[in-house]
Amino acid sequence: MSLKVENVLKVYETDGEEHKGINYPTISVKNHWAITERVVLVIENKKYTVLARDLQKAITNATNT
């Protein structure tokens, strides 16, 4: 049995345009069903599997400005 984890993030801008109102698009970050070093990003009903450490590094690098 595996534990299912999902984090849902609001999307505040798409292509530079700010979303307003209450119906924000979302991006989900889920655990991988079998490999703990991977996470699954769900964007517009498409699933992208990436290494968790690579995603963490990318976020750190993007916020170092």
PDB file of N, CA and C in Angstrom:
ATOM      1  N   MET A   1       0.844  -1.182   0.000  1.00  0.00           N
ATOM      2  CA  MET A   1       0.000   0.000   0.000  1.00  0.00           C
ATOM      3  C   MET A   1       0.888   1.243   0.000  1.00  0.00           C
ATOM      4  N   SER A   2       0.538   2.194  -0.832  1.00  0.00           N
ATOM      5  CA  SER A   2       1.326   3.425  -0.871  1.00  0.00           C
ATOM      6  C   SER A   2       0.443   4.610  -0.479  1.00  0.00           C
ATOM      7  N   LEU A   3       1.080   5.571   0.106  1.00  0.00           N
ATOM      8  CA  LEU A   3       0.399   6.794   0.512  1.00  0.00           C
ATOM      9  C   LEU A   3       0.345   7.745  -0.678  1.00  0.00           C
ATOM     10  N   LYS A   4      -0.810   8.338  -0.936  1.00  0.00           N
ATOM     11  CA  LYS A   4      -0.947   9.296  -2.033  1.00  0.00           C
ATOM     12  C   LYS A   4      -0.877  10.708  -1.464  1.00  0.00           C
ATOM     13  N   VAL A   5       0.007  11.508  -2.063  1.00  0.00           N
ATOM     14  CA  VAL A   5       0.200  12.887  -1.629  1.00  0.00           C
ATOM     15  C   VAL A   5      -0.025  13.795  -2.824  1.00  0.00           C
ATOM     16  N   GLU A   6      -0.795  14.877  -2.607  1.00  0.00           N
ATOM     17  CA  GLU A   6      -1.037  15.839  -3.679  1.00  0.00           C
ATOM     18  C   GLU A   6      -1.026  17.251  -3.102  1.00  0.00           C
ATOM     19  N   ASN A   7      -0.279  18.128  -3.747  1.00  0.00           N
ATOM     20  CA  ASN A   7      -0.249  19.546  -3.399  1.00  0.00           C
ATOM     21  C   ASN A   7      -0.773  20.314  -4.603  1.00  0.00           C
ATOM     22  N   VAL A   8      -1.750  21.183  -4.368  1.00  0.00           N
ATOM     23  CA  VAL A   8      -2.362  21.947  -5.460  1.00  0.00           C
ATOM     24  C   VAL A   8      -1.926  23.404  -5.342  1.00  0.00           C
ATOM     25  N   LEU A   9      -1.374  23.926  -6.433  1.00  0.00           N
ATOM     26  CA  LEU A   9      -0.885  25.301  -6.475  1.00  0.00           C
ATOM     27  C   LEU A   9      -1.767  26.138  -7.387  1.00  0.00           C
ATOM     28  N   LYS A  10      -2.126  27.335  -6.930  1.00  0.00           N
ATOM     29  CA  LYS A  10      -2.852  28.274  -7.780  1.00  0.00           C
ATOM     30  C   LYS A  10      -1.901  28.844  -8.824  1.00  0.00           C
ATOM     31  N   VAL A  11      -2.399  29.026 -10.020  1.00  0.00           N
ATOM     32  CA  VAL A  11      -1.642  29.697 -11.077  1.00  0.00           C
ATOM     33  C   VAL A  11      -2.100  31.148 -11.080  1.00  0.00           C
ATOM     34  N   TYR A  12      -1.175  32.070 -10.824  1.00  0.00           N
ATOM     35  CA  TYR A  12      -1.525  33.483 -10.732  1.00  0.00           C
ATOM     36  C   TYR A  12      -1.416  34.218 -12.056  1.00  0.00           C
ATOM     37  N   GLU A  13      -0.570  33.726 -12.976  1.00  0.00           N
ATOM     38  CA  GLU A  13      -0.429  34.335 -14.295  1.00  0.00           C
ATOM     39  C   GLU A  13      -0.231  33.246 -15.336  1.00  0.00           C
ATOM     40  N   THR A  14      -0.751  33.490 -16.521  1.00  0.00           N
ATOM     41  CA  THR A  14      -0.493  32.628 -17.668  1.00  0.00           C
ATOM     42  C   THR A  14      -0.046  33.528 -18.809  1.00  0.00           C
ATOM     43  N   ASP A  15       1.137  33.245 -19.355  1.00  0.00           N
ATOM     44  CA  ASP A  15       1.710  34.054 -20.439  1.00  0.00           C
ATOM     45  C   ASP A  15       1.740  35.534 -20.080  1.00  0.00           C
ATOM     46  N   GLY A  16       2.031  35.846 -18.806  1.00  0.00           N
ATOM     47  CA  GLY A  16       2.151  37.229 -18.363  1.00  0.00           C
ATOM     48  C   GLY A  16       0.844  37.905 -18.010  1.00  0.00           C
ATOM     49  N   GLU A  17      -0.276  37.231 -18.227  1.00  0.00           N
ATOM     50  CA  GLU A  17      -1.576  37.812 -17.902  1.00  0.00           C
ATOM     51  C   GLU A  17      -2.069  37.279 -16.567  1.00  0.00           C
ATOM     52  N   GLU A  18      -2.418  38.211 -15.681  1.00  0.00           N
ATOM     53  CA  GLU A  18      -2.844  37.854 -14.339  1.00  0.00           C
ATOM     54  C   GLU A  18      -4.262  37.284 -14.357  1.00  0.00           C
ATOM     55  N   HIS A  19      -4.449  36.231 -13.556  1.00  0.00           N
ATOM     56  CA  HIS A  19      -5.794  35.655 -13.395  1.00  0.00           C
ATOM     57  C   HIS A  19      -6.505  36.407 -12.288  1.00  0.00           C
ATOM     58  N   LYS A  20      -7.749  36.694 -12.497  1.00  0.00           N
ATOM     59  CA  LYS A  20      -8.545  37.410 -11.502  1.00  0.00           C
ATOM     60  C   LYS A  20      -9.814  36.622 -11.234  1.00  0.00           C
ATOM     61  N   GLY A  21     -10.377  36.834 -10.083  1.00  0.00           N
ATOM     62  CA  GLY A  21     -11.612  36.134  -9.742  1.00  0.00           C
ATOM     63  C   GLY A  21     -11.344  34.946  -8.844  1.00  0.00           C
ATOM     64  N   ILE A  22     -12.247  33.998  -8.868  1.00  0.00           N
ATOM     65  CA  ILE A  22     -12.128  32.864  -7.956  1.00  0.00           C
ATOM     66  C   ILE A  22     -11.754  31.561  -8.659  1.00  0.00           C
ATOM     67  N   ASN A  23     -11.788  31.516  -9.970  1.00  0.00           N
ATOM     68  CA  ASN A  23     -11.499  30.287 -10.704  1.00  0.00           C
ATOM     69  C   ASN A  23     -10.080  30.290 -11.262  1.00  0.00           C
ATOM     70  N   TYR A  24      -9.113  30.132 -10.374  1.00  0.00           N
ATOM     71  CA  TYR A  24      -7.724  30.071 -10.801  1.00  0.00           C
ATOM     72  C   TYR A  24      -7.421  28.702 -11.397  1.00  0.00           C
ATOM     73  N   PRO A  25      -6.627  28.656 -12.464  1.00  0.00           N
ATOM     74  CA  PRO A  25      -6.126  27.354 -12.906  1.00  0.00           C
ATOM     75  C   PRO A  25      -5.185  26.812 -11.824  1.00  0.00           C
ATOM     76  N   THR A  26      -4.909  25.532 -11.865  1.00  0.00           N
ATOM     77  CA  THR A  26      -4.036  24.936 -10.860  1.00  0.00           C
ATOM     78  C   THR A  26      -2.976  24.044 -11.497  1.00  0.00           C
ATOM     79  N   ILE A  27      -1.921  23.822 -10.737  1.00  0.00           N
ATOM     80  CA  ILE A  27      -0.899  22.829 -11.041  1.00  0.00           C
ATOM     81  C   ILE A  27      -0.839  21.923  -9.818  1.00  0.00           C
ATOM     82  N   SER A  28      -0.857  20.622 -10.046  1.00  0.00           N
ATOM     83  CA  SER A  28      -0.754  19.679  -8.935  1.00  0.00           C
ATOM     84  C   SER A  28       0.627  19.040  -8.922  1.00  0.00           C
ATOM     85  N   VAL A  29       1.147  18.845  -7.734  1.00  0.00           N
ATOM     86  CA  VAL A  29       2.400  18.121  -7.533  1.00  0.00           C
ATOM     87  C   VAL A  29       2.060  16.894  -6.706  1.00  0.00           C
ATOM     88  N   LYS A  30       2.281  15.718  -7.293  1.00  0.00           N
ATOM     89  CA  LYS A  30       1.921  14.466  -6.637  1.00  0.00           C
ATOM     90  C   LYS A  30       3.151  13.583  -6.465  1.00  0.00           C
ATOM     91  N   ASN A  31       3.057  12.688  -5.503  1.00  0.00           N
ATOM     92  CA  ASN A  31       4.122  11.706  -5.372  1.00  0.00           C
ATOM     93  C   ASN A  31       4.021  10.700  -6.510  1.00  0.00           C
ATOM     94  N   HIS A  32       5.174  10.144  -6.882  1.00  0.00           N
ATOM     95  CA  HIS A  32       5.209   9.102  -7.901  1.00  0.00           C
ATOM     96  C   HIS A  32       4.709   7.809  -7.269  1.00  0.00           C
ATOM     97  N   TRP A  33       4.023   7.014  -8.016  1.00  0.00           N
ATOM     98  CA  TRP A  33       3.398   5.807  -7.466  1.00  0.00           C
ATOM     99  C   TRP A  33       4.410   4.758  -7.003  1.00  0.00           C
ATOM    100  N   ALA A  34       5.649   4.797  -7.553  1.00  0.00           N
ATOM    101  CA  ALA A  34       6.599   3.739  -7.210  1.00  0.00           C
ATOM    102  C   ALA A  34       7.990   4.229  -6.830  1.00  0.00           C
ATOM    103  N   ILE A  35       8.387   5.405  -7.290  1.00  0.00           N
ATOM    104  CA  ILE A  35       9.768   5.851  -7.095  1.00  0.00           C
ATOM    105  C   ILE A  35       9.760   7.126  -6.272  1.00  0.00           C
ATOM    106  N   THR A  36      10.306   7.066  -5.059  1.00  0.00           N
ATOM    107  CA  THR A  36      10.222   8.208  -4.140  1.00  0.00           C
ATOM    108  C   THR A  36      11.051   9.399  -4.586  1.00  0.00           C
ATOM    109  N   GLU A  37      12.024   9.199  -5.456  1.00  0.00           N
ATOM    110  CA  GLU A  37      12.863  10.307  -5.922  1.00  0.00           C
ATOM    111  C   GLU A  37      12.179  11.133  -7.015  1.00  0.00           C
ATOM    112  N   ARG A  38      11.021  10.705  -7.459  1.00  0.00           N
ATOM    113  CA  ARG A  38      10.309  11.392  -8.535  1.00  0.00           C
ATOM    114  C   ARG A  38       9.003  11.983  -8.026  1.00  0.00           C
ATOM    115  N   VAL A  39       8.574  13.057  -8.699  1.00  0.00           N
ATOM    116  CA  VAL A  39       7.252  13.631  -8.454  1.00  0.00           C
ATOM    117  C   VAL A  39       6.548  13.776  -9.794  1.00  0.00           C
ATOM    118  N   VAL A  40       5.238  13.877  -9.734  1.00  0.00           N
ATOM    119  CA  VAL A  40       4.433  14.024 -10.942  1.00  0.00           C
ATOM    120  C   VAL A  40       3.776  15.403 -10.914  1.00  0.00           C
ATOM    121  N   LEU A  41       4.006  16.188 -11.953  1.00  0.00           N
ATOM    122  CA  LEU A  41       3.361  17.484 -12.114  1.00  0.00           C
ATOM    123  C   LEU A  41       2.166  17.283 -13.036  1.00  0.00           C
ATOM    124  N   VAL A  42       1.004  17.758 -12.613  1.00  0.00           N
ATOM    125  CA  VAL A  42      -0.191  17.662 -13.448  1.00  0.00           C
ATOM    126  C   VAL A  42      -0.575  19.076 -13.866  1.00  0.00           C
ATOM    127  N   ILE A  43      -0.461  19.326 -15.169  1.00  0.00           N
ATOM    128  CA  ILE A  43      -0.739  20.642 -15.740  1.00  0.00           C
ATOM    129  C   ILE A  43      -1.697  20.442 -16.907  1.00  0.00           C
ATOM    130  N   GLU A  44      -2.876  21.028 -16.800  1.00  0.00           N
ATOM    131  CA  GLU A  44      -3.901  20.902 -17.835  1.00  0.00           C
ATOM    132  C   GLU A  44      -4.130  19.445 -18.225  1.00  0.00           C
ATOM    133  N   ASN A  45      -4.301  18.606 -17.221  1.00  0.00           N
ATOM    134  CA  ASN A  45      -4.595  17.176 -17.378  1.00  0.00           C
ATOM    135  C   ASN A  45      -3.488  16.368 -18.040  1.00  0.00           C
ATOM    136  N   LYS A  46      -2.286  16.925 -18.167  1.00  0.00           N
ATOM    137  CA  LYS A  46      -1.135  16.169 -18.640  1.00  0.00           C
ATOM    138  C   LYS A  46      -0.214  15.921 -17.459  1.00  0.00           C
ATOM    139  N   LYS A  47       0.370  14.730 -17.394  1.00  0.00           N
ATOM    140  CA  LYS A  47       1.240  14.353 -16.284  1.00  0.00           C
ATOM    141  C   LYS A  47       2.691  14.341 -16.743  1.00  0.00           C
ATOM    142  N   TYR A  48       3.528  15.031 -15.967  1.00  0.00           N
ATOM    143  CA  TYR A  48       4.957  15.115 -16.247  1.00  0.00           C
ATOM    144  C   TYR A  48       5.708  14.582 -15.031  1.00  0.00           C
ATOM    145  N   THR A  49       6.522  13.565 -15.219  1.00  0.00           N
ATOM    146  CA  THR A  49       7.300  12.997 -14.123  1.00  0.00           C
ATOM    147  C   THR A  49       8.713  13.559 -14.182  1.00  0.00           C
ATOM    148  N   VAL A  50       9.162  14.133 -13.060  1.00  0.00           N
ATOM    149  CA  VAL A  50      10.495  14.733 -12.970  1.00  0.00           C
ATOM    150  C   VAL A  50      11.162  14.268 -11.676  1.00  0.00           C
ATOM    151  N   LEU A  51      12.473  14.428 -11.627  1.00  0.00           N
ATOM    152  CA  LEU A  51      13.176  14.154 -10.377  1.00  0.00           C
ATOM    153  C   LEU A  51      12.877  15.268  -9.379  1.00  0.00           C
ATOM    154  N   ALA A  52      12.531  14.894  -8.183  1.00  0.00           N
ATOM    155  CA  ALA A  52      12.185  15.878  -7.152  1.00  0.00           C
ATOM    156  C   ALA A  52      13.352  16.820  -6.890  1.00  0.00           C
ATOM    157  N   ARG A  53      14.560  16.295  -6.841  1.00  0.00           N
ATOM    158  CA  ARG A  53      15.723  17.153  -6.560  1.00  0.00           C
ATOM    159  C   ARG A  53      15.949  18.166  -7.677  1.00  0.00           C
ATOM    160  N   ASP A  54      15.675  17.786  -8.922  1.00  0.00           N
ATOM    161  CA  ASP A  54      15.814  18.721 -10.040  1.00  0.00           C
ATOM    162  C   ASP A  54      14.785  19.846  -9.946  1.00  0.00           C
ATOM    163  N   LEU A  55      13.574  19.510  -9.563  1.00  0.00           N
ATOM    164  CA  LEU A  55      12.534  20.526  -9.393  1.00  0.00           C
ATOM    165  C   LEU A  55      12.894  21.469  -8.247  1.00  0.00           C
ATOM    166  N   GLN A  56      13.390  20.911  -7.153  1.00  0.00           N
ATOM    167  CA  GLN A  56      13.811  21.756  -6.013  1.00  0.00           C
ATOM    168  C   GLN A  56      14.941  22.693  -6.411  1.00  0.00           C
ATOM    169  N   LYS A  57      15.923  22.193  -7.155  1.00  0.00           N
ATOM    170  CA  LYS A  57      17.035  23.030  -7.622  1.00  0.00           C
ATOM    171  C   LYS A  57      16.547  24.121  -8.561  1.00  0.00           C
ATOM    172  N   ALA A  58      15.625  23.767  -9.461  1.00  0.00           N
ATOM    173  CA  ALA A  58      15.100  24.746 -10.410  1.00  0.00           C
ATOM    174  C   ALA A  58      14.371  25.870  -9.672  1.00  0.00           C
ATOM    175  N   ILE A  59      13.614  25.535  -8.639  1.00  0.00           N
ATOM    176  CA  ILE A  59      12.905  26.552  -7.859  1.00  0.00           C
ATOM    177  C   ILE A  59      13.906  27.439  -7.124  1.00  0.00           C
ATOM    178  N   THR A  60      14.914  26.848  -6.530  1.00  0.00           N
ATOM    179  CA  THR A  60      15.949  27.624  -5.842  1.00  0.00           C
ATOM    180  C   THR A  60      16.652  28.556  -6.810  1.00  0.00           C
ATOM    181  N   ASN A  61      17.036  28.051  -7.973  1.00  0.00           N
ATOM    182  CA  ASN A  61      17.712  28.881  -8.970  1.00  0.00           C
ATOM    183  C   ASN A  61      16.816  30.007  -9.470  1.00  0.00           C
ATOM    184  N   ALA A  62      15.545  29.725  -9.671  1.00  0.00           N
ATOM    185  CA  ALA A  62      14.619  30.740 -10.186  1.00  0.00           C
ATOM    186  C   ALA A  62      14.329  31.839  -9.176  1.00  0.00           C
ATOM    187  N   THR A  63      14.528  31.575  -7.913  1.00  0.00           N
ATOM    188  CA  THR A  63      14.251  32.570  -6.882  1.00  0.00           C
ATOM    189  C   THR A  63      15.518  33.226  -6.352  1.00  0.00           C
ATOM    190  N   ASN A  64      16.637  33.021  -7.001  1.00  0.00           N
ATOM    191  CA  ASN A  64      17.915  33.610  -6.583  1.00  0.00           C
ATOM    192  C   ASN A  64      18.176  34.970  -7.232  1.00  0.00           C
ATOM    193  N   THR A  65      17.168  35.621  -7.750  1.00  0.00           N
ATOM    194  CA  THR A  65      17.402  36.882  -8.443  1.00  0.00           C
ATOM    195  C   THR A  65      17.347  38.054  -7.477  1.00  0.00           C
TER     196      THR A  65
END
